[in-house]
Amino acid sequence: MAAGAGAVALAAGGLLLWPSVPEADGRALYLDNCASCHGAALEGQPDWRRPGPSGRLPAPPHDASGHTWHHPDRVLREIVRRGSAAVVGQGYESDMPGFEGILTDSEIDAILDYIKSTWPDRERSFQSRVTEADGG
């Protein structure tokens, strides 16, 4: 099978393309690794824009009401791999852990693909343009 963005197969005389990790796996991975903080419906924690008692911001939503779609794929992958504090730096504190060594790159991409699949066209299109402007 071909490596990269997806695999190719012949079926009924035509070509079919599918992601290397099915969308259903992205949803399951999201539910297993992300939903406890970001919500099963991607809704985030209440009052996610205001610091909680710890001084840290609650987990934001990943639906269209949040800001996930404002970031390019490269940044989103790094946040999942290393955690928010490591990516933001400058003493920023966050409860978002890094999942490096827990999730593979293809699992991270599957989760991000699942999240993006829930966004309306406007947010998906914007995030795609931001990713392209970021180099890919």
N, C-alpha and C. Protein backbone atom coordinates (compact mmCIF):
# COMPACT_ATOMS: atom_id res chain seq x y z
N MET A 1 0.83 -1.19 0.00
CA MET A 1 0.00 0.00 0.00
C MET A 1 0.87 1.25 0.00
N ALA A 2 0.38 2.31 -0.55
CA ALA A 2 1.12 3.57 -0.62
C ALA A 2 1.14 4.25 0.74
N ALA A 3 2.24 4.90 1.04
CA ALA A 3 2.36 5.65 2.28
C ALA A 3 1.89 7.08 2.04
N GLY A 4 1.69 7.82 3.10
CA GLY A 4 1.35 9.22 2.96
C GLY A 4 -0.06 9.49 3.39
N ALA A 5 -0.71 10.40 2.67
CA ALA A 5 -2.03 10.87 3.09
C ALA A 5 -3.10 9.81 3.04
N GLY A 6 -2.93 8.79 2.24
CA GLY A 6 -3.97 7.79 2.18
C GLY A 6 -3.53 6.60 1.35
N ALA A 7 -4.41 5.69 1.21
CA ALA A 7 -4.13 4.48 0.43
C ALA A 7 -5.05 4.46 -0.77
N VAL A 8 -4.67 3.73 -1.79
CA VAL A 8 -5.46 3.64 -3.01
C VAL A 8 -5.79 2.17 -3.24
N ALA A 9 -6.99 1.90 -3.67
CA ALA A 9 -7.39 0.52 -3.97
C ALA A 9 -8.28 0.52 -5.21
N LEU A 10 -8.27 -0.58 -5.92
CA LEU A 10 -9.17 -0.76 -7.05
C LEU A 10 -10.45 -1.42 -6.57
N ALA A 11 -11.56 -0.88 -6.99
CA ALA A 11 -12.84 -1.46 -6.61
C ALA A 11 -13.82 -1.21 -7.75
N ALA A 12 -14.43 -2.26 -8.20
CA ALA A 12 -15.43 -2.18 -9.27
C ALA A 12 -14.93 -1.37 -10.46
N GLY A 13 -13.65 -1.57 -10.80
CA GLY A 13 -13.09 -0.91 -11.97
C GLY A 13 -12.71 0.54 -11.75
N GLY A 14 -12.83 1.07 -10.53
CA GLY A 14 -12.47 2.46 -10.28
C GLY A 14 -11.51 2.57 -9.12
N LEU A 15 -11.05 3.77 -8.87
CA LEU A 15 -10.15 4.02 -7.75
C LEU A 15 -10.95 4.56 -6.58
N LEU A 16 -10.63 4.10 -5.41
CA LEU A 16 -11.20 4.63 -4.18
C LEU A 16 -10.06 5.17 -3.34
N LEU A 17 -10.25 6.32 -2.73
CA LEU A 17 -9.27 6.89 -1.82
C LEU A 17 -9.88 6.91 -0.43
N TRP A 18 -9.09 6.58 0.56
CA TRP A 18 -9.55 6.69 1.93
C TRP A 18 -8.38 7.07 2.81
N PRO A 19 -8.67 7.76 3.95
CA PRO A 19 -7.58 8.15 4.85
C PRO A 19 -6.93 6.91 5.45
N SER A 20 -5.67 7.06 5.87
CA SER A 20 -4.95 5.93 6.43
C SER A 20 -5.57 5.43 7.73
N VAL A 21 -6.26 6.30 8.46
CA VAL A 21 -7.00 5.90 9.66
C VAL A 21 -8.44 6.35 9.44
N PRO A 22 -9.40 5.44 9.45
CA PRO A 22 -10.79 5.82 9.18
C PRO A 22 -11.32 6.86 10.16
N GLU A 23 -12.26 7.69 9.68
CA GLU A 23 -12.85 8.73 10.51
C GLU A 23 -13.43 8.16 11.79
N ALA A 24 -14.05 6.98 11.72
CA ALA A 24 -14.62 6.36 12.92
C ALA A 24 -13.54 6.16 13.98
N ASP A 25 -12.34 5.80 13.56
CA ASP A 25 -11.25 5.66 14.51
C ASP A 25 -10.89 7.00 15.14
N GLY A 26 -10.94 8.08 14.35
CA GLY A 26 -10.67 9.41 14.89
C GLY A 26 -11.67 9.79 15.96
N ARG A 27 -12.92 9.47 15.73
CA ARG A 27 -13.96 9.75 16.74
C ARG A 27 -13.72 8.92 17.99
N ALA A 28 -13.43 7.64 17.81
CA ALA A 28 -13.16 6.78 18.98
C ALA A 28 -11.93 7.25 19.73
N LEU A 29 -10.88 7.62 19.01
CA LEU A 29 -9.67 8.13 19.65
C LEU A 29 -9.96 9.43 20.40
N TYR A 30 -10.76 10.29 19.79
CA TYR A 30 -11.15 11.54 20.45
C TYR A 30 -11.90 11.23 21.75
N LEU A 31 -12.88 10.35 21.68
CA LEU A 31 -13.66 10.01 22.87
C LEU A 31 -12.78 9.41 23.95
N ASP A 32 -11.81 8.59 23.57
CA ASP A 32 -10.92 7.94 24.54
C ASP A 32 -9.89 8.88 25.15
N ASN A 33 -9.45 9.89 24.40
CA ASN A 33 -8.31 10.69 24.85
C ASN A 33 -8.61 12.16 25.09
N CYS A 34 -9.68 12.68 24.54
CA CYS A 34 -9.91 14.12 24.57
C CYS A 34 -11.23 14.53 25.24
N ALA A 35 -12.23 13.68 25.11
CA ALA A 35 -13.59 14.05 25.53
C ALA A 35 -13.71 14.30 27.03
N SER A 36 -12.86 13.69 27.84
CA SER A 36 -12.98 13.90 29.29
C SER A 36 -12.79 15.38 29.65
N CYS A 37 -12.05 16.11 28.86
CA CYS A 37 -11.88 17.55 29.10
C CYS A 37 -12.64 18.40 28.09
N HIS A 38 -12.56 18.03 26.81
CA HIS A 38 -13.13 18.86 25.75
C HIS A 38 -14.58 18.52 25.43
N GLY A 39 -15.13 17.49 26.08
CA GLY A 39 -16.54 17.14 25.91
C GLY A 39 -16.80 16.16 24.79
N ALA A 40 -17.71 15.24 25.04
CA ALA A 40 -18.07 14.22 24.05
C ALA A 40 -18.64 14.85 22.78
N ALA A 41 -19.28 16.00 22.92
CA ALA A 41 -19.85 16.70 21.77
C ALA A 41 -18.97 17.87 21.34
N LEU A 42 -17.69 17.84 21.77
CA LEU A 42 -16.70 18.87 21.44
C LEU A 42 -17.04 20.23 22.03
N GLU A 43 -17.85 20.25 23.09
CA GLU A 43 -18.40 21.48 23.64
C GLU A 43 -17.46 22.22 24.60
N GLY A 44 -16.38 21.60 25.03
CA GLY A 44 -15.46 22.24 25.97
C GLY A 44 -16.03 22.32 27.37
N GLN A 45 -15.25 22.92 28.25
CA GLN A 45 -15.68 23.09 29.64
C GLN A 45 -16.40 24.42 29.79
N PRO A 46 -17.29 24.52 30.79
CA PRO A 46 -18.01 25.78 31.01
C PRO A 46 -17.04 26.93 31.26
N ASP A 47 -17.44 28.11 30.83
CA ASP A 47 -16.66 29.34 31.03
C ASP A 47 -15.20 29.17 30.58
N TRP A 48 -15.00 28.56 29.43
CA TRP A 48 -13.67 28.23 28.95
C TRP A 48 -12.80 29.45 28.64
N ARG A 49 -13.40 30.61 28.56
CA ARG A 49 -12.62 31.83 28.28
C ARG A 49 -12.11 32.52 29.55
N ARG A 50 -12.55 32.05 30.71
CA ARG A 50 -12.14 32.66 31.98
C ARG A 50 -11.32 31.68 32.80
N PRO A 51 -10.21 32.14 33.36
CA PRO A 51 -9.41 31.25 34.20
C PRO A 51 -10.24 30.70 35.37
N GLY A 52 -10.00 29.43 35.69
CA GLY A 52 -10.67 28.81 36.82
C GLY A 52 -9.91 29.10 38.10
N PRO A 53 -10.28 28.44 39.20
CA PRO A 53 -9.64 28.66 40.49
C PRO A 53 -8.12 28.44 40.46
N SER A 54 -7.65 27.57 39.57
CA SER A 54 -6.21 27.30 39.47
C SER A 54 -5.47 28.41 38.72
N GLY A 55 -6.22 29.33 38.11
CA GLY A 55 -5.62 30.37 37.28
C GLY A 55 -5.43 29.94 35.84
N ARG A 56 -5.75 28.69 35.55
CA ARG A 56 -5.61 28.15 34.19
C ARG A 56 -6.95 28.20 33.47
N LEU A 57 -6.87 28.34 32.17
CA LEU A 57 -8.09 28.34 31.37
C LEU A 57 -8.66 26.93 31.26
N PRO A 58 -9.98 26.78 31.36
CA PRO A 58 -10.61 25.48 31.13
C PRO A 58 -10.41 25.03 29.68
N ALA A 59 -10.66 23.77 29.42
CA ALA A 59 -10.52 23.22 28.08
C ALA A 59 -11.52 23.88 27.13
N PRO A 60 -11.04 24.40 26.00
CA PRO A 60 -11.94 25.05 25.05
C PRO A 60 -12.72 24.03 24.23
N PRO A 61 -13.81 24.48 23.62
CA PRO A 61 -14.54 23.59 22.72
C PRO A 61 -13.76 23.39 21.43
N HIS A 62 -14.01 22.26 20.79
CA HIS A 62 -13.43 22.01 19.47
C HIS A 62 -14.47 22.12 18.38
N ASP A 63 -15.68 22.51 18.75
CA ASP A 63 -16.71 22.74 17.73
C ASP A 63 -16.51 24.15 17.16
N ALA A 64 -17.43 24.60 16.35
CA ALA A 64 -17.28 25.90 15.68
C ALA A 64 -17.29 27.07 16.65
N SER A 65 -17.79 26.89 17.87
CA SER A 65 -17.83 27.98 18.84
C SER A 65 -16.48 28.25 19.49
N GLY A 66 -15.54 27.36 19.31
CA GLY A 66 -14.22 27.52 19.90
C GLY A 66 -13.25 28.18 18.95
N HIS A 67 -11.96 28.02 19.21
CA HIS A 67 -10.94 28.66 18.38
C HIS A 67 -10.01 27.65 17.71
N THR A 68 -10.28 26.37 17.83
CA THR A 68 -9.42 25.35 17.22
C THR A 68 -9.26 25.61 15.73
N TRP A 69 -10.33 25.99 15.08
CA TRP A 69 -10.31 26.19 13.63
C TRP A 69 -9.51 27.42 13.21
N HIS A 70 -9.05 28.22 14.15
CA HIS A 70 -8.22 29.38 13.84
C HIS A 70 -6.76 28.99 13.62
N HIS A 71 -6.38 27.78 14.01
CA HIS A 71 -4.98 27.36 14.01
C HIS A 71 -4.67 26.41 12.85
N PRO A 72 -3.45 26.52 12.30
CA PRO A 72 -3.05 25.58 11.25
C PRO A 72 -2.81 24.19 11.82
N ASP A 73 -2.85 23.20 10.95
CA ASP A 73 -2.64 21.81 11.37
C ASP A 73 -1.33 21.63 12.12
N ARG A 74 -0.27 22.28 11.68
CA ARG A 74 1.04 22.14 12.32
C ARG A 74 0.96 22.50 13.81
N VAL A 75 0.28 23.60 14.13
CA VAL A 75 0.15 24.04 15.52
C VAL A 75 -0.74 23.08 16.30
N LEU A 76 -1.84 22.66 15.71
CA LEU A 76 -2.73 21.73 16.39
C LEU A 76 -2.01 20.42 16.72
N ARG A 77 -1.23 19.91 15.76
CA ARG A 77 -0.47 18.67 16.02
C ARG A 77 0.51 18.86 17.17
N GLU A 78 1.20 19.99 17.19
CA GLU A 78 2.18 20.25 18.25
C GLU A 78 1.51 20.39 19.61
N ILE A 79 0.35 21.01 19.66
CA ILE A 79 -0.38 21.12 20.93
C ILE A 79 -0.75 19.74 21.45
N VAL A 80 -1.23 18.88 20.56
CA VAL A 80 -1.59 17.53 20.99
C VAL A 80 -0.33 16.76 21.40
N ARG A 81 0.73 16.86 20.64
CA ARG A 81 1.97 16.14 20.96
C ARG A 81 2.59 16.61 22.27
N ARG A 82 2.76 17.92 22.41
CA ARG A 82 3.59 18.46 23.49
C ARG A 82 2.81 19.12 24.61
N GLY A 83 1.54 19.43 24.39
CA GLY A 83 0.73 20.14 25.38
C GLY A 83 0.76 21.63 25.13
N SER A 84 -0.26 22.32 25.58
CA SER A 84 -0.40 23.75 25.31
C SER A 84 0.74 24.57 25.91
N ALA A 85 1.10 24.31 27.15
CA ALA A 85 2.14 25.12 27.80
C ALA A 85 3.46 25.05 27.05
N ALA A 86 3.82 23.87 26.56
CA ALA A 86 5.07 23.71 25.83
C ALA A 86 5.05 24.47 24.51
N VAL A 87 3.90 24.54 23.89
CA VAL A 87 3.79 25.22 22.60
C VAL A 87 3.74 26.74 22.79
N VAL A 88 2.96 27.19 23.76
CA VAL A 88 2.82 28.63 24.00
C VAL A 88 4.10 29.18 24.63
N GLY A 89 4.65 28.47 25.62
CA GLY A 89 5.87 28.91 26.29
C GLY A 89 5.66 30.14 27.14
N GLN A 90 6.72 30.86 27.44
CA GLN A 90 6.70 32.12 28.20
C GLN A 90 5.96 32.00 29.52
N GLY A 91 6.08 30.87 30.19
CA GLY A 91 5.47 30.67 31.49
C GLY A 91 3.99 30.35 31.47
N TYR A 92 3.42 30.18 30.29
CA TYR A 92 2.00 29.84 30.19
C TYR A 92 1.77 28.48 30.86
N GLU A 93 0.69 28.40 31.64
CA GLU A 93 0.33 27.15 32.30
C GLU A 93 -0.99 26.64 31.76
N SER A 94 -1.06 25.32 31.62
CA SER A 94 -2.24 24.69 31.06
C SER A 94 -2.39 23.30 31.63
N ASP A 95 -3.63 22.85 31.70
CA ASP A 95 -3.89 21.47 32.10
C ASP A 95 -3.82 20.51 30.91
N MET A 96 -3.61 21.04 29.70
CA MET A 96 -3.53 20.20 28.50
C MET A 96 -2.20 19.46 28.48
N PRO A 97 -2.26 18.14 28.65
CA PRO A 97 -1.02 17.36 28.61
C PRO A 97 -0.58 17.11 27.17
N GLY A 98 0.64 16.70 27.01
CA GLY A 98 1.12 16.25 25.71
C GLY A 98 0.84 14.76 25.57
N PHE A 99 0.55 14.33 24.36
CA PHE A 99 0.23 12.93 24.10
C PHE A 99 1.32 12.22 23.31
N GLU A 100 2.50 12.84 23.22
CA GLU A 100 3.62 12.20 22.54
C GLU A 100 3.96 10.91 23.29
N GLY A 101 4.13 9.83 22.55
CA GLY A 101 4.38 8.54 23.16
C GLY A 101 3.10 7.79 23.54
N ILE A 102 1.97 8.49 23.47
CA ILE A 102 0.67 7.87 23.76
C ILE A 102 -0.10 7.72 22.45
N LEU A 103 -0.12 8.79 21.65
CA LEU A 103 -0.79 8.77 20.36
C LEU A 103 0.26 8.87 19.25
N THR A 104 0.08 8.09 18.20
CA THR A 104 0.96 8.18 17.04
C THR A 104 0.56 9.40 16.21
N ASP A 105 1.42 9.78 15.29
CA ASP A 105 1.10 10.90 14.40
C ASP A 105 -0.17 10.62 13.60
N SER A 106 -0.34 9.38 13.13
CA SER A 106 -1.55 9.07 12.36
C SER A 106 -2.80 9.11 13.25
N GLU A 107 -2.67 8.75 14.52
CA GLU A 107 -3.82 8.85 15.44
C GLU A 107 -4.15 10.31 15.72
N ILE A 108 -3.13 11.14 15.88
CA ILE A 108 -3.37 12.58 16.08
C ILE A 108 -4.07 13.15 14.86
N ASP A 109 -3.59 12.80 13.67
CA ASP A 109 -4.24 13.28 12.45
C ASP A 109 -5.68 12.78 12.34
N ALA A 110 -5.93 11.55 12.76
CA ALA A 110 -7.30 11.02 12.72
C ALA A 110 -8.21 11.80 13.66
N ILE A 111 -7.71 12.14 14.83
CA ILE A 111 -8.49 12.94 15.78
C ILE A 111 -8.79 14.31 15.18
N LEU A 112 -7.76 14.95 14.63
CA LEU A 112 -7.96 16.27 14.02
C LEU A 112 -8.92 16.19 12.84
N ASP A 113 -8.81 15.15 12.04
CA ASP A 113 -9.74 14.97 10.92
C ASP A 113 -11.17 14.82 11.42
N TYR A 114 -11.35 14.07 12.51
CA TYR A 114 -12.69 13.93 13.09
C TYR A 114 -13.22 15.28 13.55
N ILE A 115 -12.41 16.01 14.30
CA ILE A 115 -12.84 17.32 14.80
C ILE A 115 -13.23 18.22 13.64
N LYS A 116 -12.37 18.29 12.62
CA LYS A 116 -12.64 19.15 11.46
C LYS A 116 -13.90 18.72 10.71
N SER A 117 -14.19 17.43 10.72
CA SER A 117 -15.38 16.93 10.01
C SER A 117 -16.68 17.43 10.63
N THR A 118 -16.62 17.93 11.85
CA THR A 118 -17.83 18.41 12.53
C THR A 118 -18.07 19.90 12.29
N TRP A 119 -17.09 20.60 11.74
CA TRP A 119 -17.22 22.04 11.54
C TRP A 119 -18.06 22.37 10.31
N PRO A 120 -18.78 23.48 10.38
CA PRO A 120 -19.47 23.97 9.18
C PRO A 120 -18.45 24.33 8.09
N ASP A 121 -18.92 24.43 6.86
CA ASP A 121 -18.04 24.72 5.72
C ASP A 121 -17.19 25.97 5.94
N ARG A 122 -17.76 27.01 6.50
CA ARG A 122 -17.03 28.28 6.70
C ARG A 122 -15.78 28.07 7.55
N GLU A 123 -15.92 27.37 8.68
CA GLU A 123 -14.79 27.15 9.58
C GLU A 123 -13.76 26.20 8.96
N ARG A 124 -14.26 25.17 8.30
CA ARG A 124 -13.37 24.22 7.63
C ARG A 124 -12.55 24.90 6.54
N SER A 125 -13.20 25.75 5.77
CA SER A 125 -12.53 26.47 4.70
C SER A 125 -11.48 27.43 5.26
N PHE A 126 -11.85 28.15 6.31
CA PHE A 126 -10.91 29.09 6.93
C PHE A 126 -9.68 28.34 7.45
N GLN A 127 -9.90 27.24 8.17
CA GLN A 127 -8.79 26.48 8.73
C GLN A 127 -7.91 25.88 7.65
N SER A 128 -8.49 25.48 6.56
CA SER A 128 -7.73 24.96 5.43
C SER A 128 -6.82 26.04 4.84
N ARG A 129 -7.35 27.25 4.71
CA ARG A 129 -6.55 28.38 4.19
C ARG A 129 -5.43 28.74 5.16
N VAL A 130 -5.70 28.71 6.45
CA VAL A 130 -4.68 29.01 7.46
C VAL A 130 -3.57 27.96 7.39
N THR A 131 -3.96 26.69 7.24
CA THR A 131 -2.98 25.61 7.14
C THR A 131 -2.13 25.77 5.88
N GLU A 132 -2.78 26.09 4.77
CA GLU A 132 -2.05 26.27 3.51
C GLU A 132 -1.07 27.45 3.62
N ALA A 133 -1.50 28.55 4.23
CA ALA A 133 -0.63 29.71 4.39
C ALA A 133 0.55 29.40 5.31
N ASP A 134 0.37 28.43 6.20
CA ASP A 134 1.42 28.02 7.13
C ASP A 134 2.42 27.06 6.49
N GLY A 135 2.14 26.66 5.27
CA GLY A 135 3.06 25.80 4.57
C GLY A 135 2.59 24.38 4.40
N GLY A 136 1.32 24.15 4.63
CA GLY A 136 0.89 22.83 4.31
C GLY A 136 -0.11 22.22 5.13
